[in-house]
Amino acid sequence: MTLEVLLSELKFDKNIEKAIMEKIHNDNDEIERLSKTAYDQTKNGFELCKQDPFTRLAVIIHLLVKTYD
């Protein structure tokens, strides 16, 4: 499944959908790096929780695409 198809299935507002796509495409290296450690738990919680909410959303959607494939 592609990012575009997944986003259309999630039924986000078109502006949010566009922003998510831009975030994933523009910050692909960061999103990829964060996705590798997203659920690594430390004594202070999950690594992903240390990110801003929009970045967390982008990482989760990135992981959904990878998991679906």
PDB file of N, CA and C in Angstrom:
ATOM      1  N   MET A   1       0.848  -1.165   0.000  1.00  0.00           N
ATOM      2  CA  MET A   1       0.000   0.000   0.000  1.00  0.00           C
ATOM      3  C   MET A   1       0.901   1.238   0.000  1.00  0.00           C
ATOM      4  N   THR A   2       0.487   2.223  -0.755  1.00  0.00           N
ATOM      5  CA  THR A   2       1.261   3.459  -0.814  1.00  0.00           C
ATOM      6  C   THR A   2       0.782   4.430   0.254  1.00  0.00           C
ATOM      7  N   LEU A   3       1.608   5.407   0.513  1.00  0.00           N
ATOM      8  CA  LEU A   3       1.265   6.448   1.482  1.00  0.00           C
ATOM      9  C   LEU A   3      -0.011   7.165   1.047  1.00  0.00           C
ATOM     10  N   GLU A   4      -0.116   7.474  -0.219  1.00  0.00           N
ATOM     11  CA  GLU A   4      -1.273   8.200  -0.729  1.00  0.00           C
ATOM     12  C   GLU A   4      -2.565   7.404  -0.525  1.00  0.00           C
ATOM     13  N   VAL A   5      -2.527   6.112  -0.812  1.00  0.00           N
ATOM     14  CA  VAL A   5      -3.713   5.264  -0.645  1.00  0.00           C
ATOM     15  C   VAL A   5      -4.077   5.151   0.832  1.00  0.00           C
ATOM     16  N   LEU A   6      -3.081   4.940   1.678  1.00  0.00           N
ATOM     17  CA  LEU A   6      -3.348   4.823   3.110  1.00  0.00           C
ATOM     18  C   LEU A   6      -3.973   6.104   3.657  1.00  0.00           C
ATOM     19  N   LEU A   7      -3.426   7.246   3.280  1.00  0.00           N
ATOM     20  CA  LEU A   7      -3.984   8.513   3.763  1.00  0.00           C
ATOM     21  C   LEU A   7      -5.423   8.706   3.303  1.00  0.00           C
ATOM     22  N   SER A   8      -5.731   8.300   2.088  1.00  0.00           N
ATOM     23  CA  SER A   8      -7.118   8.439   1.624  1.00  0.00           C
ATOM     24  C   SER A   8      -8.044   7.518   2.411  1.00  0.00           C
ATOM     25  N   GLU A   9      -7.549   6.353   2.806  1.00  0.00           N
ATOM     26  CA  GLU A   9      -8.341   5.417   3.608  1.00  0.00           C
ATOM     27  C   GLU A   9      -8.563   5.922   5.034  1.00  0.00           C
ATOM     28  N   LEU A  10      -7.640   6.716   5.541  1.00  0.00           N
ATOM     29  CA  LEU A  10      -7.760   7.232   6.898  1.00  0.00           C
ATOM     30  C   LEU A  10      -8.727   8.410   6.991  1.00  0.00           C
ATOM     31  N   LYS A  11      -9.128   8.958   5.856  1.00  0.00           N
ATOM     32  CA  LYS A  11     -10.162  10.002   5.788  1.00  0.00           C
ATOM     33  C   LYS A  11      -9.796  11.283   6.545  1.00  0.00           C
ATOM     34  N   PHE A  12      -8.529  11.679   6.447  1.00  0.00           N
ATOM     35  CA  PHE A  12      -8.117  12.957   7.021  1.00  0.00           C
ATOM     36  C   PHE A  12      -8.656  14.091   6.155  1.00  0.00           C
ATOM     37  N   ASP A  13      -8.773  15.258   6.730  1.00  0.00           N
ATOM     38  CA  ASP A  13      -9.053  16.471   5.981  1.00  0.00           C
ATOM     39  C   ASP A  13      -7.929  16.625   4.946  1.00  0.00           C
ATOM     40  N   LYS A  14      -8.262  17.152   3.769  1.00  0.00           N
ATOM     41  CA  LYS A  14      -7.273  17.266   2.685  1.00  0.00           C
ATOM     42  C   LYS A  14      -6.047  18.084   3.088  1.00  0.00           C
ATOM     43  N   ASN A  15      -6.229  19.122   3.900  1.00  0.00           N
ATOM     44  CA  ASN A  15      -5.082  19.930   4.346  1.00  0.00           C
ATOM     45  C   ASN A  15      -4.165  19.132   5.266  1.00  0.00           C
ATOM     46  N   ILE A  16      -4.750  18.332   6.128  1.00  0.00           N
ATOM     47  CA  ILE A  16      -3.951  17.497   7.029  1.00  0.00           C
ATOM     48  C   ILE A  16      -3.244  16.415   6.232  1.00  0.00           C
ATOM     49  N   GLU A  17      -3.964  15.815   5.294  1.00  0.00           N
ATOM     50  CA  GLU A  17      -3.372  14.792   4.428  1.00  0.00           C
ATOM     51  C   GLU A  17      -2.150  15.346   3.692  1.00  0.00           C
ATOM     52  N   LYS A  18      -2.297  16.548   3.142  1.00  0.00           N
ATOM     53  CA  LYS A  18      -1.185  17.191   2.422  1.00  0.00           C
ATOM     54  C   LYS A  18      -0.012  17.457   3.360  1.00  0.00           C
ATOM     55  N   ALA A  19      -0.299  17.954   4.553  1.00  0.00           N
ATOM     56  CA  ALA A  19       0.759  18.260   5.525  1.00  0.00           C
ATOM     57  C   ALA A  19       1.504  16.996   5.947  1.00  0.00           C
ATOM     58  N   ILE A  20       0.782  15.908   6.132  1.00  0.00           N
ATOM     59  CA  ILE A  20       1.423  14.638   6.509  1.00  0.00           C
ATOM     60  C   ILE A  20       2.321  14.150   5.385  1.00  0.00           C
ATOM     61  N   MET A  21       1.813  14.197   4.154  1.00  0.00           N
ATOM     62  CA  MET A  21       2.634  13.765   3.013  1.00  0.00           C
ATOM     63  C   MET A  21       3.890  14.607   2.899  1.00  0.00           C
ATOM     64  N   GLU A  22       3.750  15.909   3.065  1.00  0.00           N
ATOM     65  CA  GLU A  22       4.911  16.794   2.978  1.00  0.00           C
ATOM     66  C   GLU A  22       5.910  16.497   4.089  1.00  0.00           C
ATOM     67  N   LYS A  23       5.417  16.285   5.286  1.00  0.00           N
ATOM     68  CA  LYS A  23       6.300  15.969   6.426  1.00  0.00           C
ATOM     69  C   LYS A  23       7.087  14.692   6.151  1.00  0.00           C
ATOM     70  N   ILE A  24       6.406  13.659   5.699  1.00  0.00           N
ATOM     71  CA  ILE A  24       7.079  12.379   5.452  1.00  0.00           C
ATOM     72  C   ILE A  24       8.076  12.502   4.302  1.00  0.00           C
ATOM     73  N   HIS A  25       7.705  13.212   3.240  1.00  0.00           N
ATOM     74  CA  HIS A  25       8.611  13.358   2.097  1.00  0.00           C
ATOM     75  C   HIS A  25       9.780  14.297   2.406  1.00  0.00           C
ATOM     76  N   ASN A  26       9.498  15.421   3.064  1.00  0.00           N
ATOM     77  CA  ASN A  26      10.550  16.410   3.326  1.00  0.00           C
ATOM     78  C   ASN A  26      11.507  15.991   4.436  1.00  0.00           C
ATOM     79  N   ASP A  27      11.018  15.257   5.397  1.00  0.00           N
ATOM     80  CA  ASP A  27      11.838  14.832   6.538  1.00  0.00           C
ATOM     81  C   ASP A  27      11.997  13.314   6.562  1.00  0.00           C
ATOM     82  N   ASN A  28      12.111  12.723   5.385  1.00  0.00           N
ATOM     83  CA  ASN A  28      12.131  11.264   5.272  1.00  0.00           C
ATOM     84  C   ASN A  28      13.226  10.616   6.108  1.00  0.00           C
ATOM     85  N   ASP A  29      14.412  11.190   6.121  1.00  0.00           N
ATOM     86  CA  ASP A  29      15.509  10.604   6.903  1.00  0.00           C
ATOM     87  C   ASP A  29      15.172  10.592   8.393  1.00  0.00           C
ATOM     88  N   GLU A  30      14.618  11.697   8.887  1.00  0.00           N
ATOM     89  CA  GLU A  30      14.245  11.769  10.298  1.00  0.00           C
ATOM     90  C   GLU A  30      13.109  10.785  10.611  1.00  0.00           C
ATOM     91  N   ILE A  31      12.102  10.736   9.747  1.00  0.00           N
ATOM     92  CA  ILE A  31      10.966   9.834   9.961  1.00  0.00           C
ATOM     93  C   ILE A  31      11.439   8.384   9.947  1.00  0.00           C
ATOM     94  N   GLU A  32      12.297   8.057   9.021  1.00  0.00           N
ATOM     95  CA  GLU A  32      12.837   6.693   8.944  1.00  0.00           C
ATOM     96  C   GLU A  32      13.633   6.349  10.202  1.00  0.00           C
ATOM     97  N   ARG A  33      14.466   7.282  10.644  1.00  0.00           N
ATOM     98  CA  ARG A  33      15.269   7.061  11.855  1.00  0.00           C
ATOM     99  C   ARG A  33      14.368   6.876  13.075  1.00  0.00           C
ATOM    100  N   LEU A  34      13.383   7.739  13.208  1.00  0.00           N
ATOM    101  CA  LEU A  34      12.480   7.649  14.347  1.00  0.00           C
ATOM    102  C   LEU A  34      11.640   6.376  14.307  1.00  0.00           C
ATOM    103  N   SER A  35      11.284   5.933  13.107  1.00  0.00           N
ATOM    104  CA  SER A  35      10.461   4.725  13.002  1.00  0.00           C
ATOM    105  C   SER A  35      11.214   3.480  13.468  1.00  0.00           C
ATOM    106  N   LYS A  36      12.531   3.523  13.374  1.00  0.00           N
ATOM    107  CA  LYS A  36      13.332   2.366  13.804  1.00  0.00           C
ATOM    108  C   LYS A  36      13.390   2.237  15.326  1.00  0.00           C
ATOM    109  N   THR A  37      13.201   3.353  16.028  1.00  0.00           N
ATOM    110  CA  THR A  37      13.289   3.331  17.491  1.00  0.00           C
ATOM    111  C   THR A  37      11.981   3.748  18.159  1.00  0.00           C
ATOM    112  N   ALA A  38      10.915   3.852  17.389  1.00  0.00           N
ATOM    113  CA  ALA A  38       9.649   4.393  17.889  1.00  0.00           C
ATOM    114  C   ALA A  38       9.159   3.706  19.159  1.00  0.00           C
ATOM    115  N   TYR A  39       9.312   2.407  19.215  1.00  0.00           N
ATOM    116  CA  TYR A  39       8.775   1.671  20.362  1.00  0.00           C
ATOM    117  C   TYR A  39       9.859   1.112  21.270  1.00  0.00           C
ATOM    118  N   ASP A  40      11.057   1.672  21.163  1.00  0.00           N
ATOM    119  CA  ASP A  40      12.110   1.318  22.109  1.00  0.00           C
ATOM    120  C   ASP A  40      11.786   2.014  23.425  1.00  0.00           C
ATOM    121  N   GLN A  41      11.674   1.230  24.462  1.00  0.00           N
ATOM    122  CA  GLN A  41      11.302   1.799  25.753  1.00  0.00           C
ATOM    123  C   GLN A  41      12.536   2.041  26.611  1.00  0.00           C
ATOM    124  N   THR A  42      12.531   3.201  27.229  1.00  0.00           N
ATOM    125  CA  THR A  42      13.571   3.548  28.188  1.00  0.00           C
ATOM    126  C   THR A  42      12.893   3.695  29.541  1.00  0.00           C
ATOM    127  N   LYS A  43      13.651   4.022  30.551  1.00  0.00           N
ATOM    128  CA  LYS A  43      13.040   4.203  31.868  1.00  0.00           C
ATOM    129  C   LYS A  43      12.096   5.404  31.885  1.00  0.00           C
ATOM    130  N   ASN A  44      12.238   6.294  30.905  1.00  0.00           N
ATOM    131  CA  ASN A  44      11.377   7.476  30.807  1.00  0.00           C
ATOM    132  C   ASN A  44      10.244   7.300  29.801  1.00  0.00           C
ATOM    133  N   GLY A  45      10.026   6.103  29.296  1.00  0.00           N
ATOM    134  CA  GLY A  45       8.940   5.857  28.343  1.00  0.00           C
ATOM    135  C   GLY A  45       9.459   5.563  26.953  1.00  0.00           C
ATOM    136  N   PHE A  46       8.550   5.583  26.010  1.00  0.00           N
ATOM    137  CA  PHE A  46       8.905   5.283  24.625  1.00  0.00           C
ATOM    138  C   PHE A  46       9.590   6.467  23.964  1.00  0.00           C
ATOM    139  N   GLU A  47      10.562   6.163  23.115  1.00  0.00           N
ATOM    140  CA  GLU A  47      11.306   7.206  22.406  1.00  0.00           C
ATOM    141  C   GLU A  47      10.382   8.085  21.572  1.00  0.00           C
ATOM    142  N   LEU A  48       9.383   7.489  20.959  1.00  0.00           N
ATOM    143  CA  LEU A  48       8.484   8.241  20.097  1.00  0.00           C
ATOM    144  C   LEU A  48       7.733   9.327  20.865  1.00  0.00           C
ATOM    145  N   CYS A  49       7.453   9.084  22.113  1.00  0.00           N
ATOM    146  CA  CYS A  49       6.689  10.045  22.928  1.00  0.00           C
ATOM    147  C   CYS A  49       7.454  11.340  23.187  1.00  0.00           C
ATOM    148  N   LYS A  50       8.734  11.345  22.916  1.00  0.00           N
ATOM    149  CA  LYS A  50       9.546  12.545  23.119  1.00  0.00           C
ATOM    150  C   LYS A  50       9.420  13.533  21.958  1.00  0.00           C
ATOM    151  N   GLN A  51       8.740  13.121  20.892  1.00  0.00           N
ATOM    152  CA  GLN A  51       8.590  13.958  19.697  1.00  0.00           C
ATOM    153  C   GLN A  51       7.308  14.777  19.780  1.00  0.00           C
ATOM    154  N   ASP A  52       7.226  15.817  18.942  1.00  0.00           N
ATOM    155  CA  ASP A  52       5.999  16.616  18.898  1.00  0.00           C
ATOM    156  C   ASP A  52       4.869  15.766  18.290  1.00  0.00           C
ATOM    157  N   PRO A  53       3.619  16.105  18.589  1.00  0.00           N
ATOM    158  CA  PRO A  53       2.493  15.286  18.140  1.00  0.00           C
ATOM    159  C   PRO A  53       2.431  15.064  16.625  1.00  0.00           C
ATOM    160  N   PHE A  54       2.720  16.078  15.831  1.00  0.00           N
ATOM    161  CA  PHE A  54       2.646  15.918  14.382  1.00  0.00           C
ATOM    162  C   PHE A  54       3.716  14.956  13.874  1.00  0.00           C
ATOM    163  N   THR A  55       4.908  15.024  14.427  1.00  0.00           N
ATOM    164  CA  THR A  55       5.968  14.090  14.053  1.00  0.00           C
ATOM    165  C   THR A  55       5.581  12.681  14.463  1.00  0.00           C
ATOM    166  N   ARG A  56       4.998  12.520  15.638  1.00  0.00           N
ATOM    167  CA  ARG A  56       4.537  11.190  16.073  1.00  0.00           C
ATOM    168  C   ARG A  56       3.516  10.632  15.096  1.00  0.00           C
ATOM    169  N   LEU A  57       2.574  11.471  14.659  1.00  0.00           N
ATOM    170  CA  LEU A  57       1.571  11.031  13.696  1.00  0.00           C
ATOM    171  C   LEU A  57       2.224  10.602  12.392  1.00  0.00           C
ATOM    172  N   ALA A  58       3.167  11.380  11.899  1.00  0.00           N
ATOM    173  CA  ALA A  58       3.857  11.049  10.648  1.00  0.00           C
ATOM    174  C   ALA A  58       4.611   9.733  10.773  1.00  0.00           C
ATOM    175  N   VAL A  59       5.259   9.502  11.897  1.00  0.00           N
ATOM    176  CA  VAL A  59       5.996   8.251  12.105  1.00  0.00           C
ATOM    177  C   VAL A  59       5.028   7.064  12.145  1.00  0.00           C
ATOM    178  N   ILE A  60       3.926   7.207  12.837  1.00  0.00           N
ATOM    179  CA  ILE A  60       2.948   6.123  12.922  1.00  0.00           C
ATOM    180  C   ILE A  60       2.389   5.792  11.546  1.00  0.00           C
ATOM    181  N   ILE A  61       2.072   6.806  10.761  1.00  0.00           N
ATOM    182  CA  ILE A  61       1.561   6.560   9.412  1.00  0.00           C
ATOM    183  C   ILE A  61       2.632   5.911   8.545  1.00  0.00           C
ATOM    184  N   HIS A  62       3.851   6.358   8.680  1.00  0.00           N
ATOM    185  CA  HIS A  62       4.977   5.739   7.961  1.00  0.00           C
ATOM    186  C   HIS A  62       5.079   4.254   8.332  1.00  0.00           C
ATOM    187  N   LEU A  63       4.963   3.956   9.620  1.00  0.00           N
ATOM    188  CA  LEU A  63       5.012   2.565  10.066  1.00  0.00           C
ATOM    189  C   LEU A  63       3.815   1.759   9.569  1.00  0.00           C
ATOM    190  N   LEU A  64       2.650   2.376   9.479  1.00  0.00           N
ATOM    191  CA  LEU A  64       1.472   1.690   8.941  1.00  0.00           C
ATOM    192  C   LEU A  64       1.685   1.247   7.503  1.00  0.00           C
ATOM    193  N   VAL A  65       2.267   2.132   6.702  1.00  0.00           N
ATOM    194  CA  VAL A  65       2.548   1.783   5.308  1.00  0.00           C
ATOM    195  C   VAL A  65       3.501   0.594   5.259  1.00  0.00           C
ATOM    196  N   LYS A  66       4.558   0.648   6.039  1.00  0.00           N
ATOM    197  CA  LYS A  66       5.545  -0.446   6.046  1.00  0.00           C
ATOM    198  C   LYS A  66       4.932  -1.751   6.562  1.00  0.00           C
ATOM    199  N   THR A  67       4.117  -1.663   7.605  1.00  0.00           N
ATOM    200  CA  THR A  67       3.508  -2.855   8.186  1.00  0.00           C
ATOM    201  C   THR A  67       2.508  -3.472   7.221  1.00  0.00           C
ATOM    202  N   TYR A  68       1.752  -2.644   6.532  1.00  0.00           N
ATOM    203  CA  TYR A  68       0.753  -3.144   5.603  1.00  0.00           C
ATOM    204  C   TYR A  68       1.418  -3.924   4.473  1.00  0.00           C
ATOM    205  N   ASP A  69       2.560  -3.440   4.007  1.00  0.00           N
ATOM    206  CA  ASP A  69       3.269  -4.142   2.932  1.00  0.00           C
ATOM    207  C   ASP A  69       3.781  -5.467   3.456  1.00  0.00           C
TER     208      ASP A  69
END
